[in-house]
C-alpha atoms as a PDB file:
ATOM      1  CA  MET A   1      77.889  96.785 146.134  1.00  0.00           C
ATOM      2  CA  GLU A   2      78.573 100.159 145.874  1.00  0.00           C
ATOM      3  CA  PRO A   3      80.579 100.771 142.337  1.00  0.00           C
ATOM      4  CA  THR A   4      84.137 101.616 143.264  1.00  0.00           C
ATOM      5  CA  PRO A   5      85.707 104.713 141.060  1.00  0.00           C
ATOM      6  CA  GLY A   6      86.198 101.643 138.544  1.00  0.00           C
ATOM      7  CA  ASN A   7      83.428 100.147 138.320  1.00  0.00           C
ATOM      8  CA  THR A   8      80.427 102.510 138.337  1.00  0.00           C
ATOM      9  CA  ARG A   9      78.474 101.444 135.334  1.00  0.00           C
ATOM     10  CA  MET A  10      74.785 100.312 136.346  1.00  0.00           C
ATOM     11  CA  ARG A  11      73.393  97.473 135.261  1.00  0.00           C
ATOM     12  CA  LEU A  12      69.753  97.718 136.119  1.00  0.00           C
ATOM     13  CA  SER A  13      69.393  93.603 135.432  1.00  0.00           C
ATOM     14  CA  ASP A  14      72.128  92.940 138.096  1.00  0.00           C
ATOM     15  CA  HIS A  15      68.832  94.386 140.577  1.00  0.00           C
ATOM     16  CA  LEU A  16      65.766  92.798 139.035  1.00  0.00           C
ATOM     17  CA  SER A  17      64.267  89.079 138.896  1.00  0.00           C
ATOM     18  CA  GLU A  18      62.260  87.289 136.542  1.00  0.00           C
ATOM     19  CA  SER A  19      60.258  87.191 139.751  1.00  0.00           C
ATOM     20  CA  THR A  20      59.914  91.131 139.752  1.00  0.00           C
ATOM     21  CA  VAL A  21      59.112  91.577 136.175  1.00  0.00           C
ATOM     22  CA  PHE A  22      55.164  91.591 135.583  1.00  0.00           C
ATOM     23  CA  LEU A  23      54.042  91.640 132.067  1.00  0.00           C
ATOM     24  CA  SER A  24      50.493  92.010 132.756  1.00  0.00           C
ATOM     25  CA  ALA A  25      49.990  94.633 134.990  1.00  0.00           C
ATOM     26  CA  GLY A  26      47.095  96.262 135.033  1.00  0.00           C
ATOM     27  CA  PRO A  27      46.012  99.909 134.033  1.00  0.00           C
ATOM     28  CA  HIS A  28      45.440 101.693 137.426  1.00  0.00           C
ATOM     29  CA  ARG A  29      48.631 103.014 139.756  1.00  0.00           C
ATOM     30  CA  ASP A  30      46.585 101.353 142.627  1.00  0.00           C
ATOM     31  CA  ALA A  31      47.032  97.904 141.421  1.00  0.00           C
ATOM     32  CA  ILE A  32      50.485  98.315 139.803  1.00  0.00           C
ATOM     33  CA  LEU A  33      52.104 100.094 142.847  1.00  0.00           C
ATOM     34  CA  PRO A  34      51.250  97.071 145.506  1.00  0.00           C
ATOM     35  CA  LEU A  35      51.953  94.518 142.659  1.00  0.00           C
ATOM     36  CA  LEU A  36      55.596  95.532 142.277  1.00  0.00           C
ATOM     37  CA  VAL A  37      56.302  96.577 146.158  1.00  0.00           C
ATOM     38  CA  ASP A  38      55.223  92.944 146.883  1.00  0.00           C
ATOM     39  CA  GLY A  39      57.667  91.312 143.890  1.00  0.00           C
ATOM     40  CA  ILE A  40      60.421  93.036 145.918  1.00  0.00           C
ATOM     41  CA  CYS A  41      59.651  92.078 149.534  1.00  0.00           C
ATOM     42  CA  ARG A  42      58.799  88.409 148.368  1.00  0.00           C
ATOM     43  CA  HIS A  43      61.562  87.908 146.037  1.00  0.00           C
ATOM     44  CA  TRP A  44      64.351  89.283 148.330  1.00  0.00           C
ATOM     45  CA  HIS A  45      62.389  88.470 151.535  1.00  0.00           C
ATOM     46  CA  GLU A  46      63.082  91.989 152.793  1.00  0.00           C
ATOM     47  CA  GLY A  47      61.385  94.686 154.145  1.00  0.00           C
ATOM     48  CA  ASP A  48      57.474  95.512 154.785  1.00  0.00           C
ATOM     49  CA  PRO A  49      55.232  95.701 151.936  1.00  0.00           C
ATOM     50  CA  ALA A  50      53.051  98.073 153.797  1.00  0.00           C
ATOM     51  CA  VAL A  51      55.686 100.614 154.917  1.00  0.00           C
ATOM     52  CA  PHE A  52      57.192 100.469 151.103  1.00  0.00           C
ATOM     53  CA  LEU A  53      53.578 100.909 149.750  1.00  0.00           C
ATOM     54  CA  GLU A  54      53.524 103.912 151.823  1.00  0.00           C
ATOM     55  CA  ARG A  55      56.764 105.689 150.960  1.00  0.00           C
ATOM     56  CA  THR A  56      55.912 105.025 147.713  1.00  0.00           C
ATOM     57  CA  TRP A  57      52.569 106.944 147.451  1.00  0.00           C
ATOM     58  CA  ALA A  58      54.596 109.545 149.476  1.00  0.00           C
ATOM     59  CA  ARG A  59      56.982 110.205 146.921  1.00  0.00           C
ATOM     60  CA  GLU A  60      53.900 109.818 143.974  1.00  0.00           C
ATOM     61  CA  LYS A  61      52.288 112.580 145.651  1.00  0.00           C
ATOM     62  CA  GLN A  62      55.249 114.406 145.493  1.00  0.00           C
ATOM     63  CA  GLY A  63      55.327 114.492 142.141  1.00  0.00           C
ATOM     64  CA  ALA A  64      54.805 112.796 139.189  1.00  0.00           C
ATOM     65  CA  THR A  65      57.826 110.280 138.553  1.00  0.00           C
ATOM     66  CA  SER A  66      57.383 109.597 134.913  1.00  0.00           C
ATOM     67  CA  VAL A  67      60.029 111.072 132.550  1.00  0.00           C
ATOM     68  CA  GLY A  68      57.830 110.547 128.923  1.00  0.00           C
ATOM     69  CA  LEU A  69      58.417 107.972 126.228  1.00  0.00           C
ATOM     70  CA  GLY A  70      55.940 105.758 128.011  1.00  0.00           C
ATOM     71  CA  VAL A  71      58.109 105.169 131.334  1.00  0.00           C
ATOM     72  CA  SER A  72      57.711 105.932 135.300  1.00  0.00           C
ATOM     73  CA  ILE A  73      60.052 105.366 137.801  1.00  0.00           C
ATOM     74  CA  PRO A  74      58.249 105.405 141.537  1.00  0.00           C
ATOM     75  CA  HIS A  75      60.918 104.985 144.089  1.00  0.00           C
ATOM     76  CA  LEU A  76      61.469 105.015 147.792  1.00  0.00           C
ATOM     77  CA  ARG A  77      64.452 104.222 150.225  1.00  0.00           C
ATOM     78  CA  CYS A  78      64.249 102.227 153.307  1.00  0.00           C
ATOM     79  CA  GLU A  79      66.575 101.198 155.801  1.00  0.00           C
ATOM     80  CA  SER A  80      65.500  97.597 155.436  1.00  0.00           C
ATOM     81  CA  LEU A  81      66.401  97.065 152.346  1.00  0.00           C
ATOM     82  CA  SER A  82      70.275  95.893 152.151  1.00  0.00           C
ATOM     83  CA  ASP A  83      70.950  96.949 148.024  1.00  0.00           C
ATOM     84  CA  LEU A  84      69.293  98.273 145.416  1.00  0.00           C
ATOM     85  CA  ARG A  85      66.037  96.429 144.119  1.00  0.00           C
ATOM     86  CA  ILE A  86      63.980  96.973 141.224  1.00  0.00           C
ATOM     87  CA  ALA A  87      60.668  95.611 140.297  1.00  0.00           C
ATOM     88  CA  VAL A  88      58.897  96.330 136.629  1.00  0.00           C
ATOM     89  CA  ALA A  89      55.317  96.094 135.511  1.00  0.00           C
ATOM     90  CA  VAL A  90      54.207  96.644 132.081  1.00  0.00           C
ATOM     91  CA  HIS A  91      50.860  97.419 130.781  1.00  0.00           C
ATOM     92  CA  SER A  92      51.166  97.615 126.837  1.00  0.00           C
ATOM     93  CA  PRO A  93      47.997 100.117 126.364  1.00  0.00           C
ATOM     94  CA  GLY A  94      49.037 102.195 128.900  1.00  0.00           C
ATOM     95  CA  THR A  95      48.542 103.215 132.252  1.00  0.00           C
ATOM     96  CA  ASP A  96      47.019 106.023 134.676  1.00  0.00           C
ATOM     97  CA  PHE A  97      50.443 107.261 135.565  1.00  0.00           C
ATOM     98  CA  PRO A  98      50.473 110.763 134.939  1.00  0.00           C
ATOM     99  CA  SER A  99      52.990 111.333 131.797  1.00  0.00           C
ATOM    100  CA  PRO A 100      54.845 114.999 131.180  1.00  0.00           C
ATOM    101  CA  ASP A 101      54.710 113.891 127.403  1.00  0.00           C
ATOM    102  CA  GLY A 102      51.245 112.676 127.112  1.00  0.00           C
ATOM    103  CA  LEU A 103      51.988 109.476 126.180  1.00  0.00           C
ATOM    104  CA  PRO A 104      50.747 106.861 128.028  1.00  0.00           C
ATOM    105  CA  VAL A 105      53.520 105.312 130.882  1.00  0.00           C
ATOM    106  CA  ARG A 106      53.262 101.185 129.967  1.00  0.00           C
ATOM    107  CA  LEU A 107      56.900 100.356 131.761  1.00  0.00           C
ATOM    108  CA  VAL A 108      56.673 100.924 135.404  1.00  0.00           C
ATOM    109  CA  PHE A 109      60.306 100.553 136.948  1.00  0.00           C
ATOM    110  CA  LEU A 110      59.790 100.511 141.075  1.00  0.00           C
ATOM    111  CA  LEU A 111      63.156 101.040 142.751  1.00  0.00           C
ATOM    112  CA  ALA A 112      63.897 100.533 145.933  1.00  0.00           C
ATOM    113  CA  SER A 113      66.929 101.249 148.156  1.00  0.00           C
ATOM    114  CA  PRO A 114      68.146 101.633 151.727  1.00  0.00           C
ATOM    115  CA  PRO A 115      69.894 105.454 152.237  1.00  0.00           C
ATOM    116  CA  ALA A 116      73.528 104.024 152.112  1.00  0.00           C
ATOM    117  CA  LYS A 117      72.886 103.205 148.505  1.00  0.00           C
ATOM    118  CA  ALA A 118      72.205 106.698 147.572  1.00  0.00           C
ATOM    119  CA  GLY A 119      74.555 106.462 144.507  1.00  0.00           C
ATOM    120  CA  SER A 120      73.197 103.246 143.319  1.00  0.00           C
ATOM    121  CA  HIS A 121      70.042 104.526 143.789  1.00  0.00           C
ATOM    122  CA  VAL A 122      70.197 108.162 141.473  1.00  0.00           C
ATOM    123  CA  ARG A 123      72.538 106.124 138.748  1.00  0.00           C
ATOM    124  CA  ALA A 124      69.609 103.447 138.250  1.00  0.00           C
ATOM    125  CA  LEU A 125      66.906 106.468 137.947  1.00  0.00           C
ATOM    126  CA  ALA A 126      69.188 107.811 135.269  1.00  0.00           C
ATOM    127  CA  ALA A 127      69.660 104.497 133.490  1.00  0.00           C
ATOM    128  CA  VAL A 128      66.148 103.982 133.137  1.00  0.00           C
ATOM    129  CA  ALA A 129      65.629 107.321 132.387  1.00  0.00           C
ATOM    130  CA  ARG A 130      67.689 106.753 129.402  1.00  0.00           C
ATOM    131  CA  LEU A 131      65.844 104.242 127.662  1.00  0.00           C
ATOM    132  CA  ASP A 132      65.098 104.741 123.944  1.00  0.00           C
ATOM    133  CA  PRO A 133      62.357 104.390 122.102  1.00  0.00           C
ATOM    134  CA  GLY A 134      63.609 101.323 120.497  1.00  0.00           C
ATOM    135  CA  THR A 135      64.306  99.703 123.189  1.00  0.00           C
ATOM    136  CA  VAL A 136      60.711 100.599 125.601  1.00  0.00           C
ATOM    137  CA  GLU A 137      59.062  99.186 122.348  1.00  0.00           C
ATOM    138  CA  ALA A 138      61.146  96.164 122.941  1.00  0.00           C
ATOM    139  CA  LEU A 139      60.909  95.797 126.660  1.00  0.00           C
ATOM    140  CA  VAL A 140      57.058  96.355 126.145  1.00  0.00           C
ATOM    141  CA  GLY A 141      56.724  94.075 123.651  1.00  0.00           C
ATOM    142  CA  SER A 142      58.572  91.013 125.563  1.00  0.00           C
ATOM    143  CA  SER A 143      57.014  87.478 125.316  1.00  0.00           C
ATOM    144  CA  ASP A 144      58.215  86.596 129.137  1.00  0.00           C
ATOM    145  CA  ALA A 145      60.194  87.739 131.419  1.00  0.00           C
ATOM    146  CA  GLY A 146      63.290  85.834 130.263  1.00  0.00           C
ATOM    147  CA  ALA A 147      62.911  87.964 127.266  1.00  0.00           C
ATOM    148  CA  PHE A 148      62.495  91.223 129.161  1.00  0.00           C
ATOM    149  CA  LEU A 149      65.713  90.575 130.979  1.00  0.00           C
ATOM    150  CA  ALA A 150      67.694  89.491 127.823  1.00  0.00           C
ATOM    151  CA  THR A 151      66.612  92.731 126.069  1.00  0.00           C
ATOM    152  CA  LEU A 152      67.190  94.903 129.070  1.00  0.00           C
ATOM    153  CA  ARG A 153      70.659  93.429 129.060  1.00  0.00           C
ATOM    154  CA  ALA A 154      71.193  93.946 125.345  1.00  0.00           C
ATOM    155  CA  TRP A 155      70.445  97.470 126.050  1.00  0.00           C
ATOM    156  CA  GLU A 156      72.855  97.462 128.963  1.00  0.00           C
ATOM    157  CA  ASP A 157      75.503  96.212 126.393  1.00  0.00           C
ATOM    158  CA  ARG A 158      75.525  98.951 124.247  1.00  0.00           C
ATOM    159  CA  PRO A 159      78.107 101.778 124.723  1.00  0.00           C
ATOM    160  CA  GLY A 160      76.713 104.890 126.711  1.00  0.00           C
ATOM    161  CA  ALA A 161      73.411 103.050 127.626  1.00  0.00           C
ATOM    162  CA  ARG A 162      74.302 102.731 131.311  1.00  0.00           C
ATOM    163  CA  GLY A 163      75.226 105.396 133.915  1.00  0.00           C
END
């Protein structure tokens, strides 16, 4: 649902599920991206994983999607989706995603949305980019997907956290 003027706050957790949170991802992009794509396609029963993966890699080749502080946000748009979808991978020691600040990328959010949801897509990118170091640490240290989502929701409930 695209927000109306009175409803513009982005809750990333509204577009995630416990089944799209992967806390034991490996360190390599070539394994993480297919894992995230598959999670989105399986959970929401939408899209073609091969198409999603091709578009995700095409975007990655345009330039690094890491935003610093150990976070990367690969993203794609695809007509076969009905809404913004998010999957997350965690690899505590760090992945091989390039990083602008030199810190290891430990948290990877894949955002996928239809072109008609461009506003939600941009707000989600902005929200992930606003994660603070303490929240990143707490998310990376989550014991399970439920704890990850609870930590994310607690961050979202703080003033100024969401876009």
